[in-house]
């Protein structure tokens, strides 16, 4: 009787577990040689390692995105409270900073500041 994979594991972990289980079953039944089993196991381990690395990278990207949104939110709170006392230019530049923080990209904001376009913002009432 085949043992089921553990319940609380990621999909890629489950796949690696099932592949290794099948590999060991085939090896025990002498369907594949020791060298072939060793080679297949190394390939499974490599795929698992890459999946784990990509998962950790994605987790880091998501964390950075959440942090950017949090920081932009704090800036937004500031702008809501002080927008009446800001000049149009200060307001536009602060909004530019907020958007820049949200998307995690500052090159566009730097280019806009460098070109110093005339930013005309309607007066808020």
PDB file of N, CA and C in Angstrom:
ATOM      1  N   UNK A   1       0.839  -1.182   0.000  1.00  0.00           N
ATOM      2  CA  UNK A   1       0.000   0.000   0.000  1.00  0.00           C
ATOM      3  C   UNK A   1       0.887   1.250   0.000  1.00  0.00           C
ATOM      4  N   UNK A   2       0.594   2.163  -0.931  1.00  0.00           N
ATOM      5  CA  UNK A   2       1.398   3.390  -1.018  1.00  0.00           C
ATOM      6  C   UNK A   2       0.959   4.389   0.036  1.00  0.00           C
ATOM      7  N   UNK A   3       1.948   4.979   0.656  1.00  0.00           N
ATOM      8  CA  UNK A   3       1.675   5.988   1.668  1.00  0.00           C
ATOM      9  C   UNK A   3       1.373   7.311   0.976  1.00  0.00           C
ATOM     10  N   UNK A   4       0.309   8.022   1.398  1.00  0.00           N
ATOM     11  CA  UNK A   4      -0.004   9.318   0.781  1.00  0.00           C
ATOM     12  C   UNK A   4       1.007  10.378   1.236  1.00  0.00           C
ATOM     13  N   UNK A   5       1.161  11.435   0.436  1.00  0.00           N
ATOM     14  CA  UNK A   5       2.084  12.505   0.844  1.00  0.00           C
ATOM     15  C   UNK A   5       1.541  13.257   2.060  1.00  0.00           C
ATOM     16  N   UNK A   6       2.418  13.901   2.808  1.00  0.00           N
ATOM     17  CA  UNK A   6       1.957  14.711   3.942  1.00  0.00           C
ATOM     18  C   UNK A   6       0.940  15.757   3.475  1.00  0.00           C
ATOM     19  N   UNK A   7       0.024  16.127   4.351  1.00  0.00           N
ATOM     20  CA  UNK A   7      -1.067  17.023   3.961  1.00  0.00           C
ATOM     21  C   UNK A   7      -0.661  18.490   3.855  1.00  0.00           C
ATOM     22  N   UNK A   8       0.109  18.986   4.767  1.00  0.00           N
ATOM     23  CA  UNK A   8       0.394  20.428   4.813  1.00  0.00           C
ATOM     24  C   UNK A   8       1.730  20.761   4.155  1.00  0.00           C
ATOM     25  N   UNK A   9       1.820  20.495   2.855  1.00  0.00           N
ATOM     26  CA  UNK A   9       3.032  20.841   2.117  1.00  0.00           C
ATOM     27  C   UNK A   9       2.634  21.554   0.833  1.00  0.00           C
ATOM     28  N   UNK A  10       3.581  22.313   0.286  1.00  0.00           N
ATOM     29  CA  UNK A  10       3.341  23.049  -0.959  1.00  0.00           C
ATOM     30  C   UNK A  10       3.211  22.067  -2.126  1.00  0.00           C
ATOM     31  N   UNK A  11       2.620  22.537  -3.216  1.00  0.00           N
ATOM     32  CA  UNK A  11       2.395  21.676  -4.384  1.00  0.00           C
ATOM     33  C   UNK A  11       3.712  21.113  -4.939  1.00  0.00           C
ATOM     34  N   UNK A  12       4.754  21.954  -5.015  1.00  0.00           N
ATOM     35  CA  UNK A  12       6.032  21.470  -5.561  1.00  0.00           C
ATOM     36  C   UNK A  12       6.666  20.442  -4.624  1.00  0.00           C
ATOM     37  N   UNK A  13       6.441  20.588  -3.318  1.00  0.00           N
ATOM     38  CA  UNK A  13       6.962  19.608  -2.359  1.00  0.00           C
ATOM     39  C   UNK A  13       6.227  18.272  -2.520  1.00  0.00           C
ATOM     40  N   UNK A  14       4.923  18.373  -2.736  1.00  0.00           N
ATOM     41  CA  UNK A  14       4.116  17.170  -2.940  1.00  0.00           C
ATOM     42  C   UNK A  14       4.567  16.434  -4.203  1.00  0.00           C
ATOM     43  N   UNK A  15       4.819  17.204  -5.270  1.00  0.00           N
ATOM     44  CA  UNK A  15       5.268  16.595  -6.520  1.00  0.00           C
ATOM     45  C   UNK A  15       6.614  15.895  -6.329  1.00  0.00           C
ATOM     46  N   UNK A  16       7.548  16.546  -5.662  1.00  0.00           N
ATOM     47  CA  UNK A  16       8.859  15.930  -5.420  1.00  0.00           C
ATOM     48  C   UNK A  16       8.703  14.673  -4.571  1.00  0.00           C
ATOM     49  N   UNK A  17       7.847  14.735  -3.569  1.00  0.00           N
ATOM     50  CA  UNK A  17       7.612  13.584  -2.690  1.00  0.00           C
ATOM     51  C   UNK A  17       7.072  12.413  -3.496  1.00  0.00           C
ATOM     52  N   UNK A  18       6.096  12.688  -4.370  1.00  0.00           N
ATOM     53  CA  UNK A  18       5.491  11.625  -5.176  1.00  0.00           C
ATOM     54  C   UNK A  18       6.495  11.048  -6.183  1.00  0.00           C
ATOM     55  N   UNK A  19       7.305  11.921  -6.786  1.00  0.00           N
ATOM     56  CA  UNK A  19       8.316  11.448  -7.734  1.00  0.00           C
ATOM     57  C   UNK A  19       9.349  10.554  -7.047  1.00  0.00           C
ATOM     58  N   UNK A  20       9.800  10.978  -5.852  1.00  0.00           N
ATOM     59  CA  UNK A  20      10.776  10.168  -5.116  1.00  0.00           C
ATOM     60  C   UNK A  20      10.159   8.844  -4.660  1.00  0.00           C
ATOM     61  N   UNK A  21       8.905   8.893  -4.208  1.00  0.00           N
ATOM     62  CA  UNK A  21       8.221   7.663  -3.788  1.00  0.00           C
ATOM     63  C   UNK A  21       8.166   6.673  -4.955  1.00  0.00           C
ATOM     64  N   UNK A  22       7.802   7.180  -6.146  1.00  0.00           N
ATOM     65  CA  UNK A  22       7.725   6.316  -7.323  1.00  0.00           C
ATOM     66  C   UNK A  22       9.110   5.794  -7.716  1.00  0.00           C
ATOM     67  N   UNK A  23      10.105   6.687  -7.616  1.00  0.00           N
ATOM     68  CA  UNK A  23      11.477   6.277  -7.942  1.00  0.00           C
ATOM     69  C   UNK A  23      11.934   5.145  -7.026  1.00  0.00           C
ATOM     70  N   UNK A  24      11.697   5.261  -5.712  1.00  0.00           N
ATOM     71  CA  UNK A  24      12.108   4.220  -4.769  1.00  0.00           C
ATOM     72  C   UNK A  24      11.349   2.916  -5.032  1.00  0.00           C
ATOM     73  N   UNK A  25      10.068   3.021  -5.378  1.00  0.00           N
ATOM     74  CA  UNK A  25       9.271   1.833  -5.681  1.00  0.00           C
ATOM     75  C   UNK A  25       9.851   1.108  -6.902  1.00  0.00           C
ATOM     76  N   UNK A  26      10.161   1.873  -7.928  1.00  0.00           N
ATOM     77  CA  UNK A  26      10.718   1.284  -9.156  1.00  0.00           C
ATOM     78  C   UNK A  26      12.102   0.659  -8.893  1.00  0.00           C
ATOM     79  N   UNK A  27      12.885   1.327  -8.057  1.00  0.00           N
ATOM     80  CA  UNK A  27      14.219   0.802  -7.735  1.00  0.00           C
ATOM     81  C   UNK A  27      14.109  -0.503  -6.953  1.00  0.00           C
ATOM     82  N   UNK A  28      13.204  -0.552  -5.960  1.00  0.00           N
ATOM     83  CA  UNK A  28      13.029  -1.768  -5.156  1.00  0.00           C
ATOM     84  C   UNK A  28      12.547  -2.949  -6.004  1.00  0.00           C
ATOM     85  N   UNK A  29      11.776  -2.659  -7.042  1.00  0.00           N
ATOM     86  CA  UNK A  29      11.278  -3.723  -7.932  1.00  0.00           C
ATOM     87  C   UNK A  29      12.299  -4.063  -9.029  1.00  0.00           C
ATOM     88  N   UNK A  30      13.460  -3.455  -8.962  1.00  0.00           N
ATOM     89  CA  UNK A  30      14.540  -3.676  -9.932  1.00  0.00           C
ATOM     90  C   UNK A  30      14.132  -3.298 -11.360  1.00  0.00           C
ATOM     91  N   UNK A  31      13.268  -2.282 -11.475  1.00  0.00           N
ATOM     92  CA  UNK A  31      12.855  -1.802 -12.795  1.00  0.00           C
ATOM     93  C   UNK A  31      13.890  -0.834 -13.371  1.00  0.00           C
ATOM     94  N   UNK A  32      14.686  -0.245 -12.495  1.00  0.00           N
ATOM     95  CA  UNK A  32      15.754   0.657 -12.934  1.00  0.00           C
ATOM     96  C   UNK A  32      17.024   0.338 -12.161  1.00  0.00           C
ATOM     97  N   UNK A  33      18.137   0.667 -12.782  1.00  0.00           N
ATOM     98  CA  UNK A  33      19.439   0.377 -12.158  1.00  0.00           C
ATOM     99  C   UNK A  33      19.751   1.395 -11.062  1.00  0.00           C
ATOM    100  N   UNK A  34      20.754   1.056 -10.274  1.00  0.00           N
ATOM    101  CA  UNK A  34      21.200   1.951  -9.204  1.00  0.00           C
ATOM    102  C   UNK A  34      21.669   3.291  -9.779  1.00  0.00           C
ATOM    103  N   UNK A  35      22.462   3.220 -10.851  1.00  0.00           N
ATOM    104  CA  UNK A  35      22.975   4.451 -11.472  1.00  0.00           C
ATOM    105  C   UNK A  35      21.848   5.314 -12.038  1.00  0.00           C
ATOM    106  N   UNK A  36      20.871   4.673 -12.675  1.00  0.00           N
ATOM    107  CA  UNK A  36      19.739   5.424 -13.228  1.00  0.00           C
ATOM    108  C   UNK A  36      18.936   6.073 -12.099  1.00  0.00           C
ATOM    109  N   UNK A  37      18.709   5.329 -11.019  1.00  0.00           N
ATOM    110  CA  UNK A  37      17.963   5.866  -9.867  1.00  0.00           C
ATOM    111  C   UNK A  37      18.703   7.049  -9.257  1.00  0.00           C
ATOM    112  N   UNK A  38      20.006   6.923  -9.158  1.00  0.00           N
ATOM    113  CA  UNK A  38      20.819   8.003  -8.589  1.00  0.00           C
ATOM    114  C   UNK A  38      20.732   9.260  -9.459  1.00  0.00           C
ATOM    115  N   UNK A  39      20.782   9.074 -10.757  1.00  0.00           N
ATOM    116  CA  UNK A  39      20.697  10.192 -11.701  1.00  0.00           C
ATOM    117  C   UNK A  39      19.319  10.862 -11.639  1.00  0.00           C
ATOM    118  N   UNK A  40      18.273  10.046 -11.618  1.00  0.00           N
ATOM    119  CA  UNK A  40      16.907  10.592 -11.549  1.00  0.00           C
ATOM    120  C   UNK A  40      16.694  11.320 -10.226  1.00  0.00           C
ATOM    121  N   UNK A  41      17.192  10.758  -9.144  1.00  0.00           N
ATOM    122  CA  UNK A  41      17.055  11.402  -7.833  1.00  0.00           C
ATOM    123  C   UNK A  41      17.744  12.769  -7.831  1.00  0.00           C
ATOM    124  N   UNK A  42      18.926  12.857  -8.419  1.00  0.00           N
ATOM    125  CA  UNK A  42      19.643  14.141  -8.481  1.00  0.00           C
ATOM    126  C   UNK A  42      18.834  15.158  -9.294  1.00  0.00           C
ATOM    127  N   UNK A  43      18.217  14.701 -10.367  1.00  0.00           N
ATOM    128  CA  UNK A  43      17.399  15.598 -11.186  1.00  0.00           C
ATOM    129  C   UNK A  43      16.183  16.093 -10.404  1.00  0.00           C
ATOM    130  N   UNK A  44      15.525  15.211  -9.679  1.00  0.00           N
ATOM    131  CA  UNK A  44      14.369  15.599  -8.851  1.00  0.00           C
ATOM    132  C   UNK A  44      14.807  16.599  -7.788  1.00  0.00           C
ATOM    133  N   UNK A  45      15.930  16.330  -7.152  1.00  0.00           N
ATOM    134  CA  UNK A  45      16.435  17.245  -6.118  1.00  0.00           C
ATOM    135  C   UNK A  45      16.765  18.612  -6.706  1.00  0.00           C
ATOM    136  N   UNK A  46      17.325  18.637  -7.908  1.00  0.00           N
ATOM    137  CA  UNK A  46      17.622  19.910  -8.568  1.00  0.00           C
ATOM    138  C   UNK A  46      16.360  20.694  -8.879  1.00  0.00           C
ATOM    139  N   UNK A  47      15.347  20.003  -9.380  1.00  0.00           N
ATOM    140  CA  UNK A  47      14.069  20.663  -9.672  1.00  0.00           C
ATOM    141  C   UNK A  47      13.429  21.198  -8.386  1.00  0.00           C
ATOM    142  N   UNK A  48      13.495  20.391  -7.322  1.00  0.00           N
ATOM    143  CA  UNK A  48      12.950  20.817  -6.035  1.00  0.00           C
ATOM    144  C   UNK A  48      13.678  22.054  -5.521  1.00  0.00           C
ATOM    145  N   UNK A  49      14.992  22.033  -5.626  1.00  0.00           N
ATOM    146  CA  UNK A  49      15.799  23.159  -5.156  1.00  0.00           C
ATOM    147  C   UNK A  49      15.465  24.438  -5.923  1.00  0.00           C
ATOM    148  N   UNK A  50      15.312  24.326  -7.251  1.00  0.00           N
ATOM    149  CA  UNK A  50      14.943  25.498  -8.055  1.00  0.00           C
ATOM    150  C   UNK A  50      13.557  26.016  -7.680  1.00  0.00           C
ATOM    151  N   UNK A  51      12.618  25.092  -7.458  1.00  0.00           N
ATOM    152  CA  UNK A  51      11.266  25.498  -7.065  1.00  0.00           C
ATOM    153  C   UNK A  51      11.290  26.223  -5.721  1.00  0.00           C
ATOM    154  N   UNK A  52      12.085  25.712  -4.794  1.00  0.00           N
ATOM    155  CA  UNK A  52      12.197  26.354  -3.471  1.00  0.00           C
ATOM    156  C   UNK A  52      12.826  27.735  -3.591  1.00  0.00           C
ATOM    157  N   UNK A  53      13.851  27.863  -4.417  1.00  0.00           N
ATOM    158  CA  UNK A  53      14.493  29.160  -4.631  1.00  0.00           C
ATOM    159  C   UNK A  53      13.504  30.158  -5.231  1.00  0.00           C
ATOM    160  N   UNK A  54      12.758  29.716  -6.249  1.00  0.00           N
ATOM    161  CA  UNK A  54      11.769  30.602  -6.872  1.00  0.00           C
ATOM    162  C   UNK A  54      10.677  30.992  -5.891  1.00  0.00           C
ATOM    163  N   UNK A  55      10.280  30.072  -5.035  1.00  0.00           N
ATOM    164  CA  UNK A  55       9.263  30.368  -4.012  1.00  0.00           C
ATOM    165  C   UNK A  55       9.772  31.446  -3.048  1.00  0.00           C
ATOM    166  N   UNK A  56      11.010  31.302  -2.620  1.00  0.00           N
ATOM    167  CA  UNK A  56      11.582  32.294  -1.710  1.00  0.00           C
ATOM    168  C   UNK A  56      11.733  33.657  -2.391  1.00  0.00           C
ATOM    169  N   UNK A  57      12.111  33.651  -3.670  1.00  0.00           N
ATOM    170  CA  UNK A  57      12.215  34.916  -4.409  1.00  0.00           C
ATOM    171  C   UNK A  57      10.849  35.580  -4.532  1.00  0.00           C
ATOM    172  N   UNK A  58       9.837  34.803  -4.846  1.00  0.00           N
ATOM    173  CA  UNK A  58       8.486  35.341  -4.963  1.00  0.00           C
ATOM    174  C   UNK A  58       8.006  35.895  -3.627  1.00  0.00           C
ATOM    175  N   UNK A  59       8.321  35.178  -2.572  1.00  0.00           N
ATOM    176  CA  UNK A  59       7.950  35.639  -1.233  1.00  0.00           C
ATOM    177  C   UNK A  59       8.608  36.993  -0.937  1.00  0.00           C
ATOM    178  N   UNK A  60       9.879  37.138  -1.322  1.00  0.00           N
ATOM    179  CA  UNK A  60      10.585  38.406  -1.129  1.00  0.00           C
ATOM    180  C   UNK A  60       9.973  39.524  -1.956  1.00  0.00           C
ATOM    181  N   UNK A  61       9.603  39.217  -3.199  1.00  0.00           N
ATOM    182  CA  UNK A  61       8.976  40.218  -4.063  1.00  0.00           C
ATOM    183  C   UNK A  61       7.642  40.662  -3.477  1.00  0.00           C
ATOM    184  N   UNK A  62       6.856  39.707  -2.997  1.00  0.00           N
ATOM    185  CA  UNK A  62       5.564  40.052  -2.398  1.00  0.00           C
ATOM    186  C   UNK A  62       5.750  40.916  -1.151  1.00  0.00           C
ATOM    187  N   UNK A  63       6.753  40.571  -0.341  1.00  0.00           N
ATOM    188  CA  UNK A  63       7.024  41.368   0.850  1.00  0.00           C
ATOM    189  C   UNK A  63       7.416  42.796   0.467  1.00  0.00           C
ATOM    190  N   UNK A  64       8.286  42.940  -0.541  1.00  0.00           N
ATOM    191  CA  UNK A  64       8.688  44.274  -0.982  1.00  0.00           C
ATOM    192  C   UNK A  64       7.488  45.061  -1.492  1.00  0.00           C
ATOM    193  N   UNK A  65       6.604  44.403  -2.224  1.00  0.00           N
ATOM    194  CA  UNK A  65       5.406  45.068  -2.715  1.00  0.00           C
ATOM    195  C   UNK A  65       4.514  45.528  -1.585  1.00  0.00           C
ATOM    196  N   UNK A  66       4.319  44.666  -0.594  1.00  0.00           N
ATOM    197  CA  UNK A  66       3.505  45.033   0.561  1.00  0.00           C
ATOM    198  C   UNK A  66       4.133  46.206   1.313  1.00  0.00           C
ATOM    199  N   UNK A  67       5.436  46.170   1.459  1.00  0.00           N
ATOM    200  CA  UNK A  67       6.128  47.251   2.163  1.00  0.00           C
ATOM    201  C   UNK A  67       6.013  48.562   1.390  1.00  0.00           C
ATOM    202  N   UNK A  68       6.138  48.502   0.060  1.00  0.00           N
ATOM    203  CA  UNK A  68       5.991  49.711  -0.753  1.00  0.00           C
ATOM    204  C   UNK A  68       4.592  50.300  -0.610  1.00  0.00           C
ATOM    205  N   UNK A  69       3.601  49.428  -0.620  1.00  0.00           N
ATOM    206  CA  UNK A  69       2.226  49.908  -0.458  1.00  0.00           C
ATOM    207  C   UNK A  69       2.030  50.511   0.936  1.00  0.00           C
ATOM    208  N   UNK A  70       2.609  49.872   1.958  1.00  0.00           N
ATOM    209  CA  UNK A  70       2.494  50.405   3.320  1.00  0.00           C
ATOM    210  C   UNK A  70       3.141  51.787   3.419  1.00  0.00           C
ATOM    211  N   UNK A  71       4.347  51.904   2.861  1.00  0.00           N
ATOM    212  CA  UNK A  71       5.044  53.194   2.908  1.00  0.00           C
ATOM    213  C   UNK A  71       4.289  54.255   2.119  1.00  0.00           C
ATOM    214  N   UNK A  72       3.773  53.852   0.957  1.00  0.00           N
ATOM    215  CA  UNK A  72       2.993  54.801   0.160  1.00  0.00           C
ATOM    216  C   UNK A  72       1.746  55.217   0.926  1.00  0.00           C
ATOM    217  N   UNK A  73       1.155  54.285   1.644  1.00  0.00           N
ATOM    218  CA  UNK A  73      -0.027  54.600   2.455  1.00  0.00           C
ATOM    219  C   UNK A  73       0.285  55.628   3.529  1.00  0.00           C
ATOM    220  N   UNK A  74       1.452  55.481   4.173  1.00  0.00           N
ATOM    221  CA  UNK A  74       1.845  56.457   5.193  1.00  0.00           C
ATOM    222  C   UNK A  74       2.042  57.833   4.557  1.00  0.00           C
ATOM    223  N   UNK A  75       2.653  57.860   3.375  1.00  0.00           N
ATOM    224  CA  UNK A  75       2.838  59.137   2.677  1.00  0.00           C
ATOM    225  C   UNK A  75       1.479  59.720   2.296  1.00  0.00           C
ATOM    226  N   UNK A  76       0.552  58.847   1.895  1.00  0.00           N
ATOM    227  CA  UNK A  76      -0.774  59.305   1.499  1.00  0.00           C
ATOM    228  C   UNK A  76      -1.489  59.951   2.682  1.00  0.00           C
ATOM    229  N   UNK A  77      -1.359  59.348   3.860  1.00  0.00           N
ATOM    230  CA  UNK A  77      -1.970  59.930   5.064  1.00  0.00           C
ATOM    231  C   UNK A  77      -1.414  61.338   5.292  1.00  0.00           C
ATOM    232  N   UNK A  78      -0.121  61.498   5.096  1.00  0.00           N
ATOM    233  CA  UNK A  78       0.515  62.803   5.268  1.00  0.00           C
ATOM    234  C   UNK A  78      -0.042  63.799   4.267  1.00  0.00           C
ATOM    235  N   UNK A  79      -0.181  63.372   3.041  1.00  0.00           N
ATOM    236  CA  UNK A  79      -0.639  64.289   2.005  1.00  0.00           C
ATOM    237  C   UNK A  79      -2.085  64.716   2.238  1.00  0.00           C
ATOM    238  N   UNK A  80      -2.904  63.801   2.714  1.00  0.00           N
ATOM    239  CA  UNK A  80      -4.305  64.139   2.982  1.00  0.00           C
ATOM    240  C   UNK A  80      -4.379  65.211   4.067  1.00  0.00           C
ATOM    241  N   UNK A  81      -3.532  65.103   5.082  1.00  0.00           N
ATOM    242  CA  UNK A  81      -3.571  66.053   6.191  1.00  0.00           C
ATOM    243  C   UNK A  81      -2.937  67.400   5.851  1.00  0.00           C
ATOM    244  N   UNK A  82      -1.974  67.399   4.942  1.00  0.00           N
ATOM    245  CA  UNK A  82      -1.268  68.655   4.696  1.00  0.00           C
ATOM    246  C   UNK A  82      -1.455  69.211   3.293  1.00  0.00           C
ATOM    247  N   UNK A  83      -2.336  68.619   2.487  1.00  0.00           N
ATOM    248  CA  UNK A  83      -2.469  69.038   1.092  1.00  0.00           C
ATOM    249  C   UNK A  83      -2.946  70.474   0.946  1.00  0.00           C
ATOM    250  N   UNK A  84      -3.709  70.969   1.886  1.00  0.00           N
ATOM    251  CA  UNK A  84      -4.210  72.338   1.769  1.00  0.00           C
ATOM    252  C   UNK A  84      -3.097  73.363   1.915  1.00  0.00           C
ATOM    253  N   UNK A  85      -2.043  73.016   2.623  1.00  0.00           N
ATOM    254  CA  UNK A  85      -0.941  73.963   2.813  1.00  0.00           C
ATOM    255  C   UNK A  85       0.190  73.757   1.801  1.00  0.00           C
ATOM    256  N   UNK A  86       0.069  72.784   0.909  1.00  0.00           N
ATOM    257  CA  UNK A  86       1.116  72.501  -0.074  1.00  0.00           C
ATOM    258  C   UNK A  86       0.884  73.306  -1.344  1.00  0.00           C
ATOM    259  N   UNK A  87       1.985  73.654  -1.975  1.00  0.00           N
ATOM    260  CA  UNK A  87       1.861  74.284  -3.295  1.00  0.00           C
ATOM    261  C   UNK A  87       1.501  73.193  -4.299  1.00  0.00           C
ATOM    262  N   UNK A  88       1.062  73.623  -5.480  1.00  0.00           N
ATOM    263  CA  UNK A  88       0.727  72.652  -6.521  1.00  0.00           C
ATOM    264  C   UNK A  88       1.928  71.771  -6.850  1.00  0.00           C
ATOM    265  N   UNK A  89       3.101  72.373  -6.938  1.00  0.00           N
ATOM    266  CA  UNK A  89       4.313  71.631  -7.271  1.00  0.00           C
ATOM    267  C   UNK A  89       4.657  70.631  -6.171  1.00  0.00           C
ATOM    268  N   UNK A  90       4.571  71.056  -4.903  1.00  0.00           N
ATOM    269  CA  UNK A  90       4.854  70.155  -3.789  1.00  0.00           C
ATOM    270  C   UNK A  90       3.874  68.972  -3.792  1.00  0.00           C
ATOM    271  N   UNK A  91       2.624  69.270  -4.059  1.00  0.00           N
ATOM    272  CA  UNK A  91       1.609  68.228  -4.099  1.00  0.00           C
ATOM    273  C   UNK A  91       1.909  67.240  -5.236  1.00  0.00           C
ATOM    274  N   UNK A  92       2.215  67.762  -6.412  1.00  0.00           N
ATOM    275  CA  UNK A  92       2.513  66.908  -7.571  1.00  0.00           C
ATOM    276  C   UNK A  92       3.746  66.050  -7.305  1.00  0.00           C
ATOM    277  N   UNK A  93       4.789  66.631  -6.727  1.00  0.00           N
ATOM    278  CA  UNK A  93       6.002  65.863  -6.450  1.00  0.00           C
ATOM    279  C   UNK A  93       5.770  64.805  -5.374  1.00  0.00           C
ATOM    280  N   UNK A  94       4.962  65.129  -4.389  1.00  0.00           N
ATOM    281  CA  UNK A  94       4.644  64.148  -3.356  1.00  0.00           C
ATOM    282  C   UNK A  94       3.841  62.996  -3.944  1.00  0.00           C
ATOM    283  N   UNK A  95       2.879  63.311  -4.808  1.00  0.00           N
ATOM    284  CA  UNK A  95       2.120  62.254  -5.479  1.00  0.00           C
ATOM    285  C   UNK A  95       3.038  61.388  -6.349  1.00  0.00           C
ATOM    286  N   UNK A  96       3.983  62.018  -7.009  1.00  0.00           N
ATOM    287  CA  UNK A  96       4.958  61.296  -7.822  1.00  0.00           C
ATOM    288  C   UNK A  96       5.770  60.337  -6.941  1.00  0.00           C
ATOM    289  N   UNK A  97       6.162  60.802  -5.763  1.00  0.00           N
ATOM    290  CA  UNK A  97       6.902  59.946  -4.823  1.00  0.00           C
ATOM    291  C   UNK A  97       6.052  58.765  -4.357  1.00  0.00           C
ATOM    292  N   UNK A  98       4.783  59.016  -4.101  1.00  0.00           N
ATOM    293  CA  UNK A  98       3.889  57.953  -3.637  1.00  0.00           C
ATOM    294  C   UNK A  98       3.752  56.874  -4.707  1.00  0.00           C
ATOM    295  N   UNK A  99       3.483  57.292  -5.939  1.00  0.00           N
ATOM    296  CA  UNK A  99       3.345  56.329  -7.029  1.00  0.00           C
ATOM    297  C   UNK A  99       4.652  55.574  -7.223  1.00  0.00           C
ATOM    298  N   UNK A 100       5.757  56.287  -7.141  1.00  0.00           N
ATOM    299  CA  UNK A 100       7.076  55.670  -7.285  1.00  0.00           C
ATOM    300  C   UNK A 100       7.291  54.603  -6.213  1.00  0.00           C
ATOM    301  N   UNK A 101       6.909  54.911  -4.976  1.00  0.00           N
ATOM    302  CA  UNK A 101       7.060  53.951  -3.875  1.00  0.00           C
ATOM    303  C   UNK A 101       6.142  52.752  -4.068  1.00  0.00           C
ATOM    304  N   UNK A 102       4.947  52.989  -4.576  1.00  0.00           N
ATOM    305  CA  UNK A 102       3.994  51.889  -4.766  1.00  0.00           C
ATOM    306  C   UNK A 102       4.471  50.894  -5.814  1.00  0.00           C
ATOM    307  N   UNK A 103       5.062  51.391  -6.882  1.00  0.00           N
ATOM    308  CA  UNK A 103       5.502  50.481  -7.942  1.00  0.00           C
ATOM    309  C   UNK A 103       6.949  50.042  -7.758  1.00  0.00           C
ATOM    310  N   UNK A 104       7.620  50.611  -6.760  1.00  0.00           N
ATOM    311  CA  UNK A 104       8.997  50.215  -6.485  1.00  0.00           C
ATOM    312  C   UNK A 104       9.973  50.618  -7.574  1.00  0.00           C
ATOM    313  N   UNK A 105       9.704  51.743  -8.208  1.00  0.00           N
ATOM    314  CA  UNK A 105      10.532  52.187  -9.328  1.00  0.00           C
ATOM    315  C   UNK A 105      10.715  53.694  -9.210  1.00  0.00           C
ATOM    316  N   UNK A 106      11.946  54.158  -9.268  1.00  0.00           N
ATOM    317  CA  UNK A 106      12.189  55.587  -9.082  1.00  0.00           C
ATOM    318  C   UNK A 106      12.777  56.260 -10.315  1.00  0.00           C
ATOM    319  N   UNK A 107      13.100  55.510 -11.351  1.00  0.00           N
ATOM    320  CA  UNK A 107      13.722  56.078 -12.541  1.00  0.00           C
ATOM    321  C   UNK A 107      12.796  57.096 -13.199  1.00  0.00           C
ATOM    322  N   UNK A 108      11.511  56.755 -13.303  1.00  0.00           N
ATOM    323  CA  UNK A 108      10.551  57.664 -13.928  1.00  0.00           C
ATOM    324  C   UNK A 108      10.444  58.961 -13.136  1.00  0.00           C
ATOM    325  N   UNK A 109      10.352  58.847 -11.818  1.00  0.00           N
ATOM    326  CA  UNK A 109      10.253  60.040 -10.977  1.00  0.00           C
ATOM    327  C   UNK A 109      11.488  60.921 -11.141  1.00  0.00           C
ATOM    328  N   UNK A 110      12.665  60.292 -11.214  1.00  0.00           N
ATOM    329  CA  UNK A 110      13.902  61.063 -11.395  1.00  0.00           C
ATOM    330  C   UNK A 110      13.907  61.760 -12.750  1.00  0.00           C
ATOM    331  N   UNK A 111      13.426  61.073 -13.783  1.00  0.00           N
ATOM    332  CA  UNK A 111      13.388  61.671 -15.125  1.00  0.00           C
ATOM    333  C   UNK A 111      12.423  62.848 -15.157  1.00  0.00           C
ATOM    334  N   UNK A 112      11.287  62.693 -14.492  1.00  0.00           N
ATOM    335  CA  UNK A 112      10.308  63.789 -14.453  1.00  0.00           C
ATOM    336  C   UNK A 112      10.903  64.989 -13.727  1.00  0.00           C
ATOM    337  N   UNK A 113      11.558  64.738 -12.599  1.00  0.00           N
ATOM    338  CA  UNK A 113      12.160  65.849 -11.849  1.00  0.00           C
ATOM    339  C   UNK A 113      13.266  66.523 -12.655  1.00  0.00           C
ATOM    340  N   UNK A 114      14.051  65.725 -13.361  1.00  0.00           N
ATOM    341  CA  UNK A 114      15.162  66.264 -14.137  1.00  0.00           C
ATOM    342  C   UNK A 114      14.657  67.148 -15.272  1.00  0.00           C
ATOM    343  N   UNK A 115      13.579  66.729 -15.919  1.00  0.00           N
ATOM    344  CA  UNK A 115      13.059  67.505 -17.042  1.00  0.00           C
ATOM    345  C   UNK A 115      12.277  68.733 -16.564  1.00  0.00           C
ATOM    346  N   UNK A 116      11.894  68.730 -15.308  1.00  0.00           N
ATOM    347  CA  UNK A 116      11.157  69.851 -14.695  1.00  0.00           C
ATOM    348  C   UNK A 116      10.015  70.338 -15.559  1.00  0.00           C
ATOM    349  N   UNK A 117       9.085  69.455 -15.904  1.00  0.00           N
ATOM    350  CA  UNK A 117       7.950  69.924 -16.691  1.00  0.00           C
ATOM    351  C   UNK A 117       7.064  70.821 -15.847  1.00  0.00           C
ATOM    352  N   UNK A 118       6.269  71.583 -16.538  1.00  0.00           N
ATOM    353  CA  UNK A 118       5.317  72.430 -15.795  1.00  0.00           C
ATOM    354  C   UNK A 118       4.143  71.559 -15.417  1.00  0.00           C
ATOM    355  N   UNK A 119       4.089  71.245 -14.151  1.00  0.00           N
ATOM    356  CA  UNK A 119       2.982  70.430 -13.666  1.00  0.00           C
ATOM    357  C   UNK A 119       1.886  71.359 -13.196  1.00  0.00           C
ATOM    358  N   UNK A 120       0.787  71.341 -13.879  1.00  0.00           N
ATOM    359  CA  UNK A 120      -0.325  72.204 -13.507  1.00  0.00           C
ATOM    360  C   UNK A 120      -1.385  71.320 -12.896  1.00  0.00           C
ATOM    361  N   UNK A 121      -1.633  71.554 -11.643  1.00  0.00           N
ATOM    362  CA  UNK A 121      -2.631  70.779 -10.921  1.00  0.00           C
ATOM    363  C   UNK A 121      -3.791  71.726 -10.578  1.00  0.00           C
ATOM    364  N   UNK A 122      -5.018  71.284 -10.767  1.00  0.00           N
ATOM    365  CA  UNK A 122      -6.138  72.143 -10.383  1.00  0.00           C
ATOM    366  C   UNK A 122      -6.143  72.326  -8.868  1.00  0.00           C
ATOM    367  N   UNK A 123      -6.581  73.476  -8.438  1.00  0.00           N
ATOM    368  CA  UNK A 123      -6.675  73.749  -7.010  1.00  0.00           C
ATOM    369  C   UNK A 123      -7.716  72.832  -6.392  1.00  0.00           C
ATOM    370  N   UNK A 124      -7.374  72.254  -5.259  1.00  0.00           N
ATOM    371  CA  UNK A 124      -8.339  71.410  -4.546  1.00  0.00           C
ATOM    372  C   UNK A 124      -9.216  72.319  -3.709  1.00  0.00           C
ATOM    373  N   UNK A 125     -10.499  72.062  -3.742  1.00  0.00           N
ATOM    374  CA  UNK A 125     -11.393  72.912  -2.932  1.00  0.00           C
ATOM    375  C   UNK A 125     -11.805  72.227  -1.670  1.00  0.00           C
TER     376      UNK A 125
END
